[in-house]
Amino acid sequence: MNKIISFLLIFFTIFFSCNDNNLPKQSAFLRIEFPEPNYIATKEIKLPIDFYYNLSAVDVSVTNPKQLSLNYPNMKMSIDLFLKKMTETNDLENNFRDFSLILETHSKKSNGIFVREYEGVKNSVYAKIFELRGDVASPIQFYLTDSTSNFIYGSLNLKFKPKYDSIYPTIQYVKNDILVLIESLNWNVK
């Protein structure tokens, strides 16, 4: 009888101790694999400027000689660039004002703006990058100028409804491409 009771006790202990306990999932971060950047010059594209772009991730489309897009099809983003020639003395001021209006439109929904300046005396490139934090449609706005005859303004545009926390690593990847573009920009006439 003791053997039967011992056997039943062991059986029930094992049987009832093997239930599935659902534990909460541990918090984790999204892992995104980005292609290794491969920068090449835009010499084969007919533009009044030269710069390096990320061939690994970008498709370049030239709308006209004064407008082009660097499309990131896998990320559903694009960097749109608008080139302007300045001929009059107040053109620089007018371009800054137009850029400020565009920036103001996007900054209304942002949680903050971080500004970075760049000065490349060798190539006469002066730039300012505005990174808008929060759920905005255009998280990066920037302009480049030689302060005498050329002005470019650009923006990183999203092709989906933004969730800033989720797309932050992607924005930083594209921001590095923008920095390479700015640092490699060469004003020339083809």
N, C-alpha and C. Protein backbone atom coordinates (compact mmCIF):
# COMPACT_ATOMS: atom_id res chain seq x y z
N MET A 1 0.80 -1.18 0.00
CA MET A 1 0.00 0.00 0.00
C MET A 1 0.87 1.28 0.00
N ASN A 2 1.96 1.24 0.76
CA ASN A 2 2.88 2.36 0.80
C ASN A 2 3.49 2.63 -0.57
N LYS A 3 3.75 1.55 -1.29
CA LYS A 3 4.32 1.72 -2.62
C LYS A 3 3.32 2.39 -3.56
N ILE A 4 2.07 2.05 -3.45
CA ILE A 4 1.04 2.64 -4.31
C ILE A 4 0.86 4.12 -3.97
N ILE A 5 0.82 4.45 -2.71
CA ILE A 5 0.67 5.84 -2.29
C ILE A 5 1.89 6.65 -2.72
N SER A 6 3.07 6.08 -2.54
CA SER A 6 4.30 6.76 -2.97
C SER A 6 4.28 6.98 -4.48
N PHE A 7 3.87 5.95 -5.20
CA PHE A 7 3.81 6.05 -6.66
C PHE A 7 2.81 7.14 -7.09
N LEU A 8 1.62 7.14 -6.49
CA LEU A 8 0.61 8.14 -6.82
C LEU A 8 1.08 9.56 -6.45
N LEU A 9 1.74 9.67 -5.32
CA LEU A 9 2.26 10.96 -4.89
C LEU A 9 3.30 11.49 -5.88
N ILE A 10 4.20 10.63 -6.29
CA ILE A 10 5.22 11.03 -7.28
C ILE A 10 4.55 11.34 -8.61
N PHE A 11 3.58 10.52 -9.02
CA PHE A 11 2.90 10.73 -10.30
C PHE A 11 2.17 12.07 -10.32
N PHE A 12 1.38 12.34 -9.27
CA PHE A 12 0.65 13.60 -9.23
C PHE A 12 1.58 14.82 -9.10
N THR A 13 2.67 14.66 -8.39
CA THR A 13 3.63 15.74 -8.25
C THR A 13 4.23 16.09 -9.61
N ILE A 14 4.62 15.07 -10.33
CA ILE A 14 5.20 15.30 -11.66
C ILE A 14 4.14 15.83 -12.62
N PHE A 15 2.98 15.26 -12.60
CA PHE A 15 1.91 15.65 -13.53
C PHE A 15 1.47 17.09 -13.32
N PHE A 16 1.27 17.51 -12.11
CA PHE A 16 0.79 18.86 -11.84
C PHE A 16 1.90 19.90 -11.79
N SER A 17 3.14 19.46 -11.70
CA SER A 17 4.23 20.43 -11.70
C SER A 17 4.68 20.80 -13.12
N CYS A 18 4.21 20.12 -14.11
CA CYS A 18 4.63 20.37 -15.50
C CYS A 18 3.65 21.26 -16.24
N ASN A 19 3.05 22.20 -15.57
CA ASN A 19 2.17 23.12 -16.29
C ASN A 19 2.98 24.24 -16.91
N ASP A 20 2.45 24.84 -17.93
CA ASP A 20 3.13 25.89 -18.69
C ASP A 20 2.88 27.22 -18.00
N ASN A 21 3.92 27.83 -17.52
CA ASN A 21 3.81 29.18 -16.94
C ASN A 21 4.16 30.18 -18.02
N ASN A 22 3.22 31.07 -18.32
CA ASN A 22 3.49 32.11 -19.30
C ASN A 22 4.18 33.27 -18.61
N LEU A 23 5.41 33.50 -19.03
CA LEU A 23 6.17 34.60 -18.49
C LEU A 23 6.08 35.79 -19.45
N PRO A 24 6.09 36.98 -18.95
CA PRO A 24 6.07 38.15 -19.85
C PRO A 24 7.35 38.19 -20.69
N LYS A 25 7.20 38.68 -21.91
CA LYS A 25 8.36 38.80 -22.79
C LYS A 25 9.28 39.90 -22.29
N GLN A 26 10.54 39.66 -22.45
CA GLN A 26 11.50 40.67 -22.06
C GLN A 26 11.49 41.78 -23.09
N SER A 27 11.74 42.99 -22.63
CA SER A 27 11.79 44.11 -23.56
C SER A 27 13.04 43.98 -24.43
N ALA A 28 12.88 44.32 -25.70
CA ALA A 28 14.00 44.21 -26.65
C ALA A 28 13.95 45.39 -27.60
N PHE A 29 15.02 45.58 -28.32
CA PHE A 29 15.11 46.66 -29.29
C PHE A 29 15.04 46.08 -30.70
N LEU A 30 14.46 46.86 -31.58
CA LEU A 30 14.37 46.48 -32.97
C LEU A 30 15.76 46.47 -33.59
N ARG A 31 16.08 45.38 -34.27
CA ARG A 31 17.39 45.28 -34.92
C ARG A 31 17.17 45.46 -36.42
N ILE A 32 17.80 46.48 -36.96
CA ILE A 32 17.66 46.77 -38.37
C ILE A 32 19.03 46.59 -39.01
N GLU A 33 19.05 45.85 -40.10
CA GLU A 33 20.29 45.64 -40.84
C GLU A 33 20.34 46.63 -41.99
N PHE A 34 21.34 47.50 -42.00
CA PHE A 34 21.51 48.48 -43.06
C PHE A 34 22.60 48.01 -44.01
N PRO A 35 22.47 48.32 -45.29
CA PRO A 35 23.56 47.97 -46.20
C PRO A 35 24.81 48.78 -45.89
N GLU A 36 25.95 48.16 -46.08
CA GLU A 36 27.23 48.85 -45.88
C GLU A 36 27.31 50.00 -46.88
N PRO A 37 27.57 51.24 -46.44
CA PRO A 37 27.61 52.37 -47.37
C PRO A 37 28.72 52.21 -48.41
N ASN A 38 28.39 52.55 -49.63
CA ASN A 38 29.33 52.54 -50.75
C ASN A 38 29.15 53.87 -51.48
N TYR A 39 30.00 54.84 -51.17
CA TYR A 39 29.83 56.19 -51.69
C TYR A 39 30.55 56.35 -53.02
N ILE A 40 29.81 56.92 -53.99
CA ILE A 40 30.41 57.23 -55.29
C ILE A 40 30.00 58.66 -55.67
N ALA A 41 30.75 59.24 -56.60
CA ALA A 41 30.49 60.61 -57.03
C ALA A 41 29.38 60.65 -58.08
N THR A 42 28.76 61.80 -58.22
CA THR A 42 27.66 61.98 -59.17
C THR A 42 28.16 62.44 -60.53
N LYS A 43 29.38 62.14 -60.86
CA LYS A 43 29.97 62.65 -62.10
C LYS A 43 29.22 62.19 -63.35
N GLU A 44 28.60 61.01 -63.31
CA GLU A 44 27.88 60.51 -64.49
C GLU A 44 26.49 61.12 -64.64
N ILE A 45 26.02 61.82 -63.61
CA ILE A 45 24.71 62.47 -63.65
C ILE A 45 24.92 63.93 -64.02
N LYS A 46 24.14 64.42 -64.96
CA LYS A 46 24.32 65.81 -65.40
C LYS A 46 23.67 66.76 -64.41
N LEU A 47 24.52 67.31 -63.54
CA LEU A 47 24.10 68.27 -62.53
C LEU A 47 25.12 69.39 -62.47
N PRO A 48 24.71 70.57 -62.00
CA PRO A 48 25.68 71.66 -61.85
C PRO A 48 26.55 71.51 -60.60
N ILE A 49 26.38 70.41 -59.86
CA ILE A 49 27.17 70.16 -58.65
C ILE A 49 27.66 68.71 -58.68
N ASP A 50 28.68 68.43 -57.88
CA ASP A 50 29.16 67.07 -57.66
C ASP A 50 29.10 66.79 -56.16
N PHE A 51 28.77 65.56 -55.81
CA PHE A 51 28.81 65.13 -54.42
C PHE A 51 28.82 63.61 -54.40
N TYR A 52 29.09 63.06 -53.25
CA TYR A 52 29.07 61.60 -53.07
C TYR A 52 27.73 61.18 -52.51
N TYR A 53 27.23 60.04 -53.00
CA TYR A 53 25.99 59.48 -52.47
C TYR A 53 26.17 57.99 -52.25
N ASN A 54 25.31 57.41 -51.45
CA ASN A 54 25.38 56.01 -51.04
C ASN A 54 24.76 55.13 -52.12
N LEU A 55 25.59 54.54 -52.95
CA LEU A 55 25.12 53.69 -54.04
C LEU A 55 24.41 52.44 -53.51
N SER A 56 24.77 51.97 -52.32
CA SER A 56 24.19 50.75 -51.76
C SER A 56 22.70 50.89 -51.45
N ALA A 57 22.26 52.10 -51.13
CA ALA A 57 20.89 52.28 -50.65
C ALA A 57 20.06 53.24 -51.48
N VAL A 58 20.68 53.97 -52.41
CA VAL A 58 20.01 55.10 -53.05
C VAL A 58 19.80 54.88 -54.54
N ASP A 59 18.61 55.29 -55.00
CA ASP A 59 18.33 55.44 -56.43
C ASP A 59 18.21 56.93 -56.69
N VAL A 60 18.99 57.44 -57.63
CA VAL A 60 18.98 58.87 -57.93
C VAL A 60 18.01 59.12 -59.07
N SER A 61 17.12 60.09 -58.87
CA SER A 61 16.23 60.49 -59.96
C SER A 61 16.30 62.02 -60.09
N VAL A 62 16.63 62.46 -61.30
CA VAL A 62 16.76 63.88 -61.59
C VAL A 62 15.47 64.33 -62.27
N THR A 63 14.71 65.17 -61.58
CA THR A 63 13.46 65.69 -62.13
C THR A 63 13.76 66.72 -63.22
N ASN A 64 14.64 67.64 -62.92
CA ASN A 64 15.14 68.62 -63.87
C ASN A 64 16.51 69.05 -63.36
N PRO A 65 17.25 69.86 -64.09
CA PRO A 65 18.59 70.22 -63.63
C PRO A 65 18.64 70.93 -62.27
N LYS A 66 17.49 71.38 -61.78
CA LYS A 66 17.47 72.09 -60.52
C LYS A 66 16.79 71.31 -59.39
N GLN A 67 16.42 70.07 -59.65
CA GLN A 67 15.75 69.28 -58.62
C GLN A 67 16.10 67.81 -58.80
N LEU A 68 16.49 67.17 -57.69
CA LEU A 68 16.76 65.74 -57.74
C LEU A 68 16.37 65.09 -56.44
N SER A 69 16.16 63.78 -56.52
CA SER A 69 15.79 63.01 -55.34
C SER A 69 16.74 61.83 -55.19
N LEU A 70 17.16 61.62 -53.97
CA LEU A 70 17.92 60.43 -53.61
C LEU A 70 16.94 59.52 -52.87
N ASN A 71 16.43 58.52 -53.58
CA ASN A 71 15.38 57.66 -53.03
C ASN A 71 15.98 56.45 -52.32
N TYR A 72 15.43 56.16 -51.16
CA TYR A 72 15.77 54.96 -50.39
C TYR A 72 14.55 54.04 -50.47
N PRO A 73 14.44 53.21 -51.52
CA PRO A 73 13.22 52.42 -51.70
C PRO A 73 12.97 51.39 -50.59
N ASN A 74 14.01 50.81 -50.03
CA ASN A 74 13.81 49.82 -48.97
C ASN A 74 13.40 50.46 -47.64
N MET A 75 13.68 51.73 -47.49
CA MET A 75 13.35 52.44 -46.25
C MET A 75 12.14 53.34 -46.40
N LYS A 76 11.65 53.49 -47.63
CA LYS A 76 10.51 54.35 -47.94
C LYS A 76 10.76 55.79 -47.51
N MET A 77 11.94 56.29 -47.90
CA MET A 77 12.34 57.66 -47.61
C MET A 77 13.01 58.24 -48.85
N SER A 78 13.13 59.55 -48.87
CA SER A 78 13.88 60.19 -49.95
C SER A 78 14.48 61.50 -49.44
N ILE A 79 15.63 61.83 -50.01
CA ILE A 79 16.25 63.12 -49.78
C ILE A 79 15.98 63.93 -51.04
N ASP A 80 15.24 65.00 -50.90
CA ASP A 80 14.91 65.85 -52.04
C ASP A 80 15.77 67.10 -51.98
N LEU A 81 16.44 67.40 -53.10
CA LEU A 81 17.32 68.56 -53.19
C LEU A 81 16.79 69.53 -54.23
N PHE A 82 16.82 70.82 -53.91
CA PHE A 82 16.38 71.88 -54.81
C PHE A 82 17.54 72.86 -54.97
N LEU A 83 18.03 73.02 -56.20
CA LEU A 83 19.18 73.86 -56.49
C LEU A 83 18.70 75.20 -57.03
N LYS A 84 19.28 76.27 -56.50
CA LYS A 84 18.92 77.61 -56.96
C LYS A 84 20.19 78.40 -57.26
N LYS A 85 20.17 79.11 -58.36
CA LYS A 85 21.25 80.04 -58.70
C LYS A 85 20.85 81.41 -58.18
N MET A 86 21.80 82.10 -57.58
CA MET A 86 21.54 83.44 -57.07
C MET A 86 22.19 84.45 -58.02
N THR A 87 21.42 85.41 -58.44
CA THR A 87 21.94 86.43 -59.35
C THR A 87 21.92 87.83 -58.74
N GLU A 88 20.97 88.08 -57.87
CA GLU A 88 20.85 89.41 -57.26
C GLU A 88 21.40 89.39 -55.84
N THR A 89 21.68 90.54 -55.32
CA THR A 89 22.30 90.64 -53.99
C THR A 89 21.37 90.18 -52.87
N ASN A 90 20.06 90.30 -53.04
CA ASN A 90 19.15 89.90 -51.97
C ASN A 90 18.63 88.47 -52.14
N ASP A 91 19.14 87.73 -53.12
CA ASP A 91 18.69 86.34 -53.32
C ASP A 91 19.02 85.45 -52.13
N LEU A 92 20.18 85.64 -51.52
CA LEU A 92 20.55 84.82 -50.37
C LEU A 92 19.57 85.04 -49.23
N GLU A 93 19.23 86.28 -48.98
CA GLU A 93 18.27 86.60 -47.92
C GLU A 93 16.90 86.01 -48.24
N ASN A 94 16.45 86.10 -49.48
CA ASN A 94 15.16 85.53 -49.89
C ASN A 94 15.16 84.01 -49.75
N ASN A 95 16.26 83.36 -50.10
CA ASN A 95 16.35 81.91 -49.97
C ASN A 95 16.32 81.49 -48.51
N PHE A 96 17.00 82.21 -47.64
CA PHE A 96 16.95 81.93 -46.20
C PHE A 96 15.53 82.08 -45.67
N ARG A 97 14.83 83.11 -46.12
CA ARG A 97 13.46 83.34 -45.67
C ARG A 97 12.54 82.20 -46.14
N ASP A 98 12.67 81.79 -47.41
CA ASP A 98 11.87 80.67 -47.92
C ASP A 98 12.16 79.39 -47.15
N PHE A 99 13.43 79.14 -46.89
CA PHE A 99 13.80 77.95 -46.13
C PHE A 99 13.21 78.00 -44.72
N SER A 100 13.27 79.16 -44.09
CA SER A 100 12.73 79.31 -42.74
C SER A 100 11.23 79.03 -42.70
N LEU A 101 10.51 79.43 -43.74
CA LEU A 101 9.07 79.15 -43.80
C LEU A 101 8.81 77.65 -43.91
N ILE A 102 9.59 76.97 -44.72
CA ILE A 102 9.44 75.51 -44.85
C ILE A 102 9.78 74.83 -43.52
N LEU A 103 10.85 75.26 -42.89
CA LEU A 103 11.26 74.69 -41.61
C LEU A 103 10.20 74.92 -40.54
N GLU A 104 9.63 76.10 -40.53
CA GLU A 104 8.60 76.43 -39.54
C GLU A 104 7.37 75.53 -39.70
N THR A 105 7.01 75.22 -40.93
CA THR A 105 5.87 74.35 -41.19
C THR A 105 6.07 72.98 -40.55
N HIS A 106 7.26 72.44 -40.70
CA HIS A 106 7.53 71.10 -40.15
C HIS A 106 7.82 71.12 -38.66
N SER A 107 8.35 72.22 -38.16
CA SER A 107 8.73 72.27 -36.74
C SER A 107 7.54 72.38 -35.80
N LYS A 108 6.37 72.71 -36.32
CA LYS A 108 5.19 72.84 -35.46
C LYS A 108 4.83 71.52 -34.78
N LYS A 109 5.11 70.39 -35.43
CA LYS A 109 4.77 69.09 -34.85
C LYS A 109 5.94 68.42 -34.14
N SER A 110 7.09 69.08 -34.13
CA SER A 110 8.28 68.44 -33.55
C SER A 110 8.34 68.64 -32.05
N ASN A 111 9.12 67.78 -31.41
CA ASN A 111 9.34 67.88 -29.97
C ASN A 111 10.61 68.66 -29.65
N GLY A 112 11.34 69.03 -30.66
CA GLY A 112 12.57 69.77 -30.47
C GLY A 112 13.37 69.79 -31.76
N ILE A 113 14.26 70.75 -31.87
CA ILE A 113 15.09 70.88 -33.06
C ILE A 113 16.55 70.94 -32.63
N PHE A 114 17.38 70.12 -33.26
CA PHE A 114 18.81 70.15 -33.02
C PHE A 114 19.48 70.67 -34.29
N VAL A 115 20.35 71.63 -34.12
CA VAL A 115 20.98 72.30 -35.26
C VAL A 115 22.47 71.96 -35.29
N ARG A 116 22.95 71.71 -36.50
CA ARG A 116 24.38 71.44 -36.70
C ARG A 116 24.85 72.29 -37.87
N GLU A 117 25.97 72.96 -37.70
CA GLU A 117 26.52 73.81 -38.75
C GLU A 117 27.76 73.15 -39.35
N TYR A 118 27.99 73.44 -40.62
CA TYR A 118 29.17 72.93 -41.32
C TYR A 118 29.77 74.07 -42.14
N GLU A 119 31.09 74.16 -42.10
CA GLU A 119 31.78 75.18 -42.87
C GLU A 119 32.97 74.52 -43.57
N GLY A 120 32.89 74.43 -44.89
CA GLY A 120 33.99 73.89 -45.68
C GLY A 120 34.60 75.00 -46.51
N VAL A 121 35.63 75.62 -45.98
CA VAL A 121 36.24 76.78 -46.62
C VAL A 121 36.89 76.37 -47.94
N LYS A 122 37.45 75.18 -48.00
CA LYS A 122 38.15 74.72 -49.20
C LYS A 122 37.22 74.71 -50.43
N ASN A 123 36.01 74.19 -50.26
CA ASN A 123 35.04 74.11 -51.37
C ASN A 123 34.00 75.21 -51.31
N SER A 124 34.13 76.15 -50.40
CA SER A 124 33.15 77.22 -50.20
C SER A 124 31.74 76.66 -49.96
N VAL A 125 31.66 75.73 -49.03
CA VAL A 125 30.37 75.13 -48.68
C VAL A 125 30.05 75.50 -47.24
N TYR A 126 28.91 76.15 -47.07
CA TYR A 126 28.43 76.53 -45.75
C TYR A 126 27.04 75.93 -45.61
N ALA A 127 26.86 75.14 -44.57
CA ALA A 127 25.61 74.39 -44.44
C ALA A 127 25.09 74.44 -43.01
N LYS A 128 23.81 74.20 -42.89
CA LYS A 128 23.15 74.09 -41.60
C LYS A 128 22.13 72.96 -41.71
N ILE A 129 22.18 72.04 -40.73
CA ILE A 129 21.28 70.89 -40.71
C ILE A 129 20.37 71.03 -39.50
N PHE A 130 19.08 70.86 -39.74
CA PHE A 130 18.07 70.93 -38.68
C PHE A 130 17.45 69.55 -38.54
N GLU A 131 17.66 68.93 -37.38
CA GLU A 131 17.07 67.62 -37.11
C GLU A 131 15.87 67.82 -36.20
N LEU A 132 14.70 67.49 -36.71
CA LEU A 132 13.46 67.67 -35.96
C LEU A 132 13.11 66.36 -35.27
N ARG A 133 12.92 66.42 -33.96
CA ARG A 133 12.60 65.24 -33.17
C ARG A 133 11.08 65.13 -33.05
N GLY A 134 10.59 63.92 -33.10
CA GLY A 134 9.16 63.69 -32.96
C GLY A 134 8.56 63.12 -34.23
N ASP A 135 7.26 62.93 -34.23
CA ASP A 135 6.54 62.34 -35.35
C ASP A 135 6.27 63.39 -36.43
N VAL A 136 7.30 63.71 -37.19
CA VAL A 136 7.18 64.70 -38.27
C VAL A 136 7.41 64.02 -39.60
N ALA A 137 6.83 64.58 -40.64
CA ALA A 137 6.94 63.99 -41.98
C ALA A 137 8.30 64.21 -42.60
N SER A 138 9.01 65.22 -42.14
CA SER A 138 10.33 65.53 -42.68
C SER A 138 11.28 65.78 -41.51
N PRO A 139 11.93 64.72 -41.00
CA PRO A 139 12.73 64.86 -39.78
C PRO A 139 14.06 65.58 -39.94
N ILE A 140 14.54 65.77 -41.18
CA ILE A 140 15.78 66.50 -41.39
C ILE A 140 15.58 67.51 -42.51
N GLN A 141 15.91 68.76 -42.22
CA GLN A 141 15.90 69.84 -43.20
C GLN A 141 17.30 70.44 -43.20
N PHE A 142 17.80 70.84 -44.37
CA PHE A 142 19.13 71.42 -44.42
C PHE A 142 19.26 72.34 -45.63
N TYR A 143 20.27 73.20 -45.55
CA TYR A 143 20.60 74.03 -46.71
C TYR A 143 22.11 74.10 -46.84
N LEU A 144 22.55 74.36 -48.07
CA LEU A 144 23.96 74.54 -48.40
C LEU A 144 24.08 75.76 -49.29
N THR A 145 25.13 76.52 -49.11
CA THR A 145 25.34 77.68 -49.96
C THR A 145 26.83 77.98 -50.06
N ASP A 146 27.19 78.69 -51.12
CA ASP A 146 28.54 79.24 -51.21
C ASP A 146 28.50 80.73 -50.87
N SER A 147 27.34 81.21 -50.51
CA SER A 147 27.02 82.58 -50.08
C SER A 147 27.16 83.64 -51.17
N THR A 148 27.44 83.23 -52.40
CA THR A 148 27.54 84.20 -53.48
C THR A 148 26.63 83.88 -54.66
N SER A 149 26.63 82.63 -55.13
CA SER A 149 25.87 82.34 -56.35
C SER A 149 25.06 81.05 -56.31
N ASN A 150 25.23 80.21 -55.31
CA ASN A 150 24.51 78.93 -55.26
C ASN A 150 23.82 78.75 -53.91
N PHE A 151 22.65 78.13 -53.97
CA PHE A 151 21.90 77.81 -52.76
C PHE A 151 21.17 76.50 -53.01
N ILE A 152 21.29 75.57 -52.08
CA ILE A 152 20.58 74.28 -52.17
C ILE A 152 19.84 74.10 -50.86
N TYR A 153 18.58 73.73 -50.95
CA TYR A 153 17.91 73.30 -49.73
C TYR A 153 17.40 71.89 -49.96
N GLY A 154 17.45 71.12 -48.90
CA GLY A 154 17.08 69.72 -48.99
C GLY A 154 16.31 69.29 -47.77
N SER A 155 15.66 68.14 -47.92
CA SER A 155 14.88 67.58 -46.82
C SER A 155 14.82 66.07 -46.95
N LEU A 156 14.78 65.43 -45.81
CA LEU A 156 14.53 64.00 -45.74
C LEU A 156 13.03 63.83 -45.58
N ASN A 157 12.39 63.18 -46.54
CA ASN A 157 10.94 63.03 -46.52
C ASN A 157 10.57 61.57 -46.35
N LEU A 158 9.62 61.32 -45.46
CA LEU A 158 9.13 59.98 -45.21
C LEU A 158 7.90 59.71 -46.06
N LYS A 159 7.77 58.48 -46.53
CA LYS A 159 6.63 58.11 -47.36
C LYS A 159 5.66 57.22 -46.58
N PHE A 160 5.57 57.46 -45.30
CA PHE A 160 4.67 56.72 -44.42
C PHE A 160 4.42 57.56 -43.18
N LYS A 161 3.46 57.13 -42.37
CA LYS A 161 3.16 57.85 -41.14
C LYS A 161 4.26 57.57 -40.12
N PRO A 162 4.94 58.61 -39.63
CA PRO A 162 6.12 58.40 -38.79
C PRO A 162 5.80 58.00 -37.36
N LYS A 163 6.61 57.11 -36.83
CA LYS A 163 6.68 56.79 -35.40
C LYS A 163 8.15 56.96 -35.04
N TYR A 164 8.48 58.10 -34.47
CA TYR A 164 9.87 58.52 -34.31
C TYR A 164 10.74 57.48 -33.59
N ASP A 165 10.22 56.88 -32.53
CA ASP A 165 11.02 55.91 -31.79
C ASP A 165 11.41 54.72 -32.66
N SER A 166 10.52 54.33 -33.56
CA SER A 166 10.78 53.17 -34.40
C SER A 166 11.74 53.46 -35.55
N ILE A 167 11.68 54.68 -36.08
CA ILE A 167 12.49 55.00 -37.26
C ILE A 167 13.78 55.74 -36.92
N TYR A 168 14.04 55.98 -35.65
CA TYR A 168 15.23 56.74 -35.26
C TYR A 168 16.53 56.15 -35.84
N PRO A 169 16.77 54.83 -35.76
CA PRO A 169 18.02 54.29 -36.34
C PRO A 169 18.12 54.53 -37.84
N THR A 170 17.01 54.46 -38.53
CA THR A 170 17.00 54.69 -39.97
C THR A 170 17.31 56.15 -40.28
N ILE A 171 16.75 57.05 -39.51
CA ILE A 171 17.02 58.48 -39.70
C ILE A 171 18.51 58.75 -39.49
N GLN A 172 19.12 58.13 -38.50
CA GLN A 172 20.54 58.35 -38.25
C GLN A 172 21.40 57.80 -39.39
N TYR A 173 21.00 56.67 -39.97
CA TYR A 173 21.72 56.11 -41.12
C TYR A 173 21.68 57.08 -42.30
N VAL A 174 20.49 57.61 -42.59
CA VAL A 174 20.35 58.55 -43.70
C VAL A 174 21.03 59.88 -43.38
N LYS A 175 21.03 60.29 -42.11
CA LYS A 175 21.70 61.52 -41.72
C LYS A 175 23.20 61.43 -42.02
N ASN A 176 23.79 60.27 -41.82
CA ASN A 176 25.21 60.09 -42.17
C ASN A 176 25.42 60.28 -43.67
N ASP A 177 24.47 59.81 -44.49
CA ASP A 177 24.57 60.03 -45.93
C ASP A 177 24.47 61.52 -46.27
N ILE A 178 23.63 62.24 -45.55
CA ILE A 178 23.49 63.69 -45.77
C ILE A 178 24.79 64.39 -45.39
N LEU A 179 25.42 63.98 -44.31
CA LEU A 179 26.69 64.58 -43.90
C LEU A 179 27.78 64.33 -44.95
N VAL A 180 27.81 63.13 -45.52
CA VAL A 180 28.78 62.83 -46.58
C VAL A 180 28.49 63.70 -47.80
N LEU A 181 27.22 63.86 -48.14
CA LEU A 181 26.84 64.72 -49.26
C LEU A 181 27.35 66.14 -49.03
N ILE A 182 27.13 66.67 -47.85
CA ILE A 182 27.54 68.05 -47.54
C ILE A 182 29.06 68.19 -47.58
N GLU A 183 29.75 67.25 -46.96
CA GLU A 183 31.21 67.35 -46.89
C GLU A 183 31.88 67.16 -48.25
N SER A 184 31.23 66.45 -49.16
CA SER A 184 31.84 66.18 -50.47
C SER A 184 31.33 67.10 -51.57
N LEU A 185 30.43 68.00 -51.25
CA LEU A 185 29.83 68.87 -52.27
C LEU A 185 30.89 69.75 -52.95
N ASN A 186 30.80 69.82 -54.23
CA ASN A 186 31.70 70.65 -55.03
C ASN A 186 30.85 71.44 -56.01
N TRP A 187 30.90 72.75 -55.92
CA TRP A 187 30.17 73.61 -56.86
C TRP A 187 30.97 73.62 -58.16
N ASN A 188 30.37 73.19 -59.21
CA ASN A 188 31.05 73.27 -60.51
C ASN A 188 30.01 73.46 -61.59
N VAL A 189 30.44 73.87 -62.73
CA VAL A 189 29.52 74.08 -63.86
C VAL A 189 29.91 73.06 -64.92
N LYS A 190 28.97 72.18 -65.25
CA LYS A 190 29.24 71.16 -66.27
C LYS A 190 28.78 71.61 -67.62
